[in-house]
């Protein structure tokens, strides 16, 4: 099994986090009372279901298990 690993640098992670913040702050206008709960639930669902947060998806950054290089799960 030949897997190529490319680690993402600081700036690309910063941009992805900034995109996440923008996306979540736009959503906060719709769900003002539940924003913290919404943020936590969406973050967990996005990472376990899609392997990424919205900002990481836009920048094609993938979160993988360090030992198996598979998508992360709640198990």
N, C-alpha and C. Protein backbone atom coordinates (compact mmCIF):
# COMPACT_ATOMS: atom_id res chain seq x y z
N UNK A 1 0.85 -1.18 0.00
CA UNK A 1 0.00 0.00 0.00
C UNK A 1 0.89 1.24 0.00
N UNK A 2 0.86 1.99 -1.05
CA UNK A 2 1.70 3.17 -1.20
C UNK A 2 0.85 4.42 -1.06
N UNK A 3 0.96 5.11 0.08
CA UNK A 3 0.16 6.30 0.35
C UNK A 3 1.08 7.51 0.42
N UNK A 4 0.73 8.54 -0.33
CA UNK A 4 1.50 9.78 -0.29
C UNK A 4 0.84 10.73 0.71
N UNK A 5 1.62 11.24 1.64
CA UNK A 5 1.11 12.13 2.68
C UNK A 5 1.69 13.52 2.47
N UNK A 6 0.81 14.50 2.37
CA UNK A 6 1.22 15.90 2.28
C UNK A 6 0.62 16.63 3.47
N UNK A 7 1.46 17.12 4.35
CA UNK A 7 0.97 17.87 5.50
C UNK A 7 0.66 19.29 5.08
N UNK A 8 -0.41 19.82 5.64
CA UNK A 8 -0.87 21.16 5.29
C UNK A 8 -0.15 22.18 6.17
N UNK A 9 0.25 23.28 5.58
CA UNK A 9 0.97 24.31 6.30
C UNK A 9 0.08 25.21 7.14
N UNK A 10 0.71 26.06 7.91
CA UNK A 10 0.02 26.96 8.84
C UNK A 10 -0.95 27.90 8.12
N UNK A 11 -0.49 28.51 7.02
CA UNK A 11 -1.33 29.51 6.34
C UNK A 11 -2.59 28.88 5.75
N UNK A 12 -2.47 27.72 5.16
CA UNK A 12 -3.64 27.07 4.57
C UNK A 12 -4.64 26.67 5.65
N UNK A 13 -4.13 26.22 6.81
CA UNK A 13 -5.03 25.91 7.93
C UNK A 13 -5.70 27.17 8.47
N UNK A 14 -4.96 28.27 8.51
CA UNK A 14 -5.51 29.54 8.98
C UNK A 14 -6.62 30.02 8.05
N UNK A 15 -6.40 29.92 6.75
CA UNK A 15 -7.42 30.31 5.78
C UNK A 15 -8.66 29.43 5.93
N UNK A 16 -8.47 28.13 6.11
CA UNK A 16 -9.61 27.21 6.29
C UNK A 16 -10.39 27.56 7.56
N UNK A 17 -9.70 27.89 8.64
CA UNK A 17 -10.38 28.28 9.88
C UNK A 17 -11.13 29.59 9.71
N UNK A 18 -10.55 30.51 8.96
CA UNK A 18 -11.21 31.78 8.70
C UNK A 18 -12.48 31.57 7.87
N UNK A 19 -12.40 30.70 6.86
CA UNK A 19 -13.58 30.38 6.07
C UNK A 19 -14.66 29.74 6.94
N UNK A 20 -14.26 28.85 7.84
CA UNK A 20 -15.22 28.25 8.77
C UNK A 20 -15.90 29.32 9.61
N UNK A 21 -15.12 30.26 10.12
CA UNK A 21 -15.68 31.34 10.95
C UNK A 21 -16.68 32.18 10.17
N UNK A 22 -16.36 32.49 8.93
CA UNK A 22 -17.27 33.29 8.09
C UNK A 22 -18.56 32.52 7.83
N UNK A 23 -18.43 31.25 7.47
CA UNK A 23 -19.61 30.43 7.19
C UNK A 23 -20.48 30.31 8.44
N UNK A 24 -19.87 30.03 9.59
CA UNK A 24 -20.64 29.89 10.82
C UNK A 24 -21.24 31.21 11.30
N UNK A 25 -20.55 32.31 11.08
CA UNK A 25 -21.12 33.60 11.50
C UNK A 25 -22.29 33.99 10.61
N UNK A 26 -22.24 33.62 9.34
CA UNK A 26 -23.41 33.86 8.48
C UNK A 26 -24.59 33.02 8.93
N UNK A 27 -24.33 31.79 9.34
CA UNK A 27 -25.40 30.93 9.85
C UNK A 27 -25.94 31.43 11.18
N UNK A 28 -25.12 32.15 11.93
CA UNK A 28 -25.56 32.63 13.25
C UNK A 28 -26.68 33.65 13.14
N UNK A 29 -26.77 34.34 12.02
CA UNK A 29 -27.86 35.29 11.85
C UNK A 29 -29.20 34.56 11.74
N UNK A 30 -29.18 33.32 11.26
CA UNK A 30 -30.41 32.56 11.14
C UNK A 30 -30.80 31.86 12.44
N UNK A 31 -29.78 31.45 13.20
CA UNK A 31 -30.02 30.69 14.43
C UNK A 31 -29.34 31.37 15.61
N UNK A 32 -29.77 32.57 15.93
CA UNK A 32 -29.10 33.38 16.95
C UNK A 32 -29.06 32.73 18.33
N UNK A 33 -30.11 32.06 18.73
CA UNK A 33 -30.18 31.51 20.07
C UNK A 33 -29.40 30.21 20.24
N UNK A 34 -29.17 29.52 19.15
CA UNK A 34 -28.57 28.19 19.24
C UNK A 34 -27.20 28.11 18.56
N UNK A 35 -26.50 29.21 18.42
CA UNK A 35 -25.28 29.22 17.62
C UNK A 35 -24.18 28.35 18.20
N UNK A 36 -23.95 28.35 19.49
CA UNK A 36 -22.89 27.53 20.06
C UNK A 36 -23.20 26.04 19.89
N UNK A 37 -24.44 25.67 20.19
CA UNK A 37 -24.85 24.27 20.01
C UNK A 37 -24.78 23.90 18.53
N UNK A 38 -25.25 24.78 17.66
CA UNK A 38 -25.20 24.54 16.23
C UNK A 38 -23.76 24.36 15.75
N UNK A 39 -22.88 25.22 16.22
CA UNK A 39 -21.47 25.14 15.83
C UNK A 39 -20.86 23.79 16.22
N UNK A 40 -21.09 23.37 17.44
CA UNK A 40 -20.52 22.11 17.93
C UNK A 40 -21.08 20.92 17.15
N UNK A 41 -22.38 20.90 16.96
CA UNK A 41 -23.02 19.78 16.25
C UNK A 41 -22.55 19.73 14.80
N UNK A 42 -22.55 20.88 14.13
CA UNK A 42 -22.13 20.91 12.72
C UNK A 42 -20.67 20.51 12.59
N UNK A 43 -19.82 21.00 13.47
CA UNK A 43 -18.39 20.67 13.42
C UNK A 43 -18.18 19.16 13.56
N UNK A 44 -18.84 18.53 14.52
CA UNK A 44 -18.70 17.09 14.72
C UNK A 44 -19.26 16.32 13.53
N UNK A 45 -20.43 16.70 13.06
CA UNK A 45 -21.03 16.00 11.92
C UNK A 45 -20.21 16.16 10.65
N UNK A 46 -19.69 17.34 10.41
CA UNK A 46 -18.90 17.57 9.20
C UNK A 46 -17.63 16.74 9.22
N UNK A 47 -16.94 16.69 10.35
CA UNK A 47 -15.69 15.94 10.43
C UNK A 47 -15.94 14.44 10.34
N UNK A 48 -16.95 13.93 11.05
CA UNK A 48 -17.18 12.49 11.04
C UNK A 48 -17.88 12.02 9.77
N UNK A 49 -18.71 12.85 9.19
CA UNK A 49 -19.47 12.45 7.99
C UNK A 49 -18.68 12.69 6.71
N UNK A 50 -18.06 13.88 6.61
CA UNK A 50 -17.36 14.25 5.38
C UNK A 50 -15.84 14.28 5.54
N UNK A 51 -15.35 14.17 6.76
CA UNK A 51 -13.91 14.18 7.00
C UNK A 51 -13.32 15.56 7.03
N UNK A 52 -14.13 16.59 6.99
CA UNK A 52 -13.63 17.97 6.92
C UNK A 52 -14.66 18.95 7.46
N UNK A 53 -14.18 20.15 7.76
CA UNK A 53 -15.08 21.26 8.04
C UNK A 53 -15.34 21.97 6.72
N UNK A 54 -16.31 22.88 6.64
CA UNK A 54 -16.59 23.56 5.36
C UNK A 54 -15.36 24.26 4.76
N UNK A 55 -14.58 24.94 5.59
CA UNK A 55 -13.40 25.63 5.08
C UNK A 55 -12.35 24.67 4.54
N UNK A 56 -12.19 23.54 5.21
CA UNK A 56 -11.23 22.54 4.74
C UNK A 56 -11.72 21.89 3.45
N UNK A 57 -13.03 21.69 3.32
CA UNK A 57 -13.57 21.15 2.07
C UNK A 57 -13.29 22.10 0.90
N UNK A 58 -13.46 23.39 1.13
CA UNK A 58 -13.21 24.36 0.06
C UNK A 58 -11.74 24.40 -0.35
N UNK A 59 -10.84 24.15 0.59
CA UNK A 59 -9.40 24.18 0.30
C UNK A 59 -8.81 22.79 0.04
N UNK A 60 -9.69 21.78 -0.01
CA UNK A 60 -9.27 20.39 -0.26
C UNK A 60 -8.24 19.89 0.75
N UNK A 61 -8.51 20.18 2.04
CA UNK A 61 -7.71 19.65 3.14
C UNK A 61 -8.52 18.52 3.76
N UNK A 62 -7.90 17.37 3.94
CA UNK A 62 -8.60 16.21 4.47
C UNK A 62 -8.04 15.80 5.82
N UNK A 63 -8.93 15.52 6.77
CA UNK A 63 -8.55 15.07 8.09
C UNK A 63 -8.56 13.55 8.07
N UNK A 64 -7.43 12.94 8.41
CA UNK A 64 -7.30 11.48 8.40
C UNK A 64 -6.76 10.99 9.74
N UNK A 65 -7.05 9.75 10.06
CA UNK A 65 -6.49 9.12 11.25
C UNK A 65 -4.98 8.98 11.05
N UNK A 66 -4.20 9.33 12.06
CA UNK A 66 -2.75 9.33 11.95
C UNK A 66 -2.17 7.94 11.78
N UNK A 67 -2.83 6.92 12.30
CA UNK A 67 -2.30 5.56 12.23
C UNK A 67 -2.75 4.79 10.99
N UNK A 68 -4.02 4.96 10.60
CA UNK A 68 -4.57 4.16 9.51
C UNK A 68 -4.78 4.93 8.22
N UNK A 69 -4.70 6.25 8.27
CA UNK A 69 -4.92 7.14 7.12
C UNK A 69 -6.33 6.98 6.53
N UNK A 70 -7.28 6.64 7.40
CA UNK A 70 -8.68 6.56 6.99
C UNK A 70 -9.41 7.76 7.59
N UNK A 71 -10.65 7.96 7.16
CA UNK A 71 -11.44 9.06 7.71
C UNK A 71 -11.66 8.85 9.21
N UNK A 72 -11.71 9.96 9.95
CA UNK A 72 -11.93 9.86 11.39
C UNK A 72 -13.38 9.50 11.66
N UNK A 73 -13.61 8.78 12.77
CA UNK A 73 -14.96 8.38 13.17
C UNK A 73 -15.10 8.64 14.67
N UNK A 74 -16.31 8.44 15.16
CA UNK A 74 -16.56 8.60 16.59
C UNK A 74 -16.26 7.32 17.36
N UNK A 75 -15.92 6.26 16.69
CA UNK A 75 -15.65 4.96 17.35
C UNK A 75 -14.29 4.95 17.99
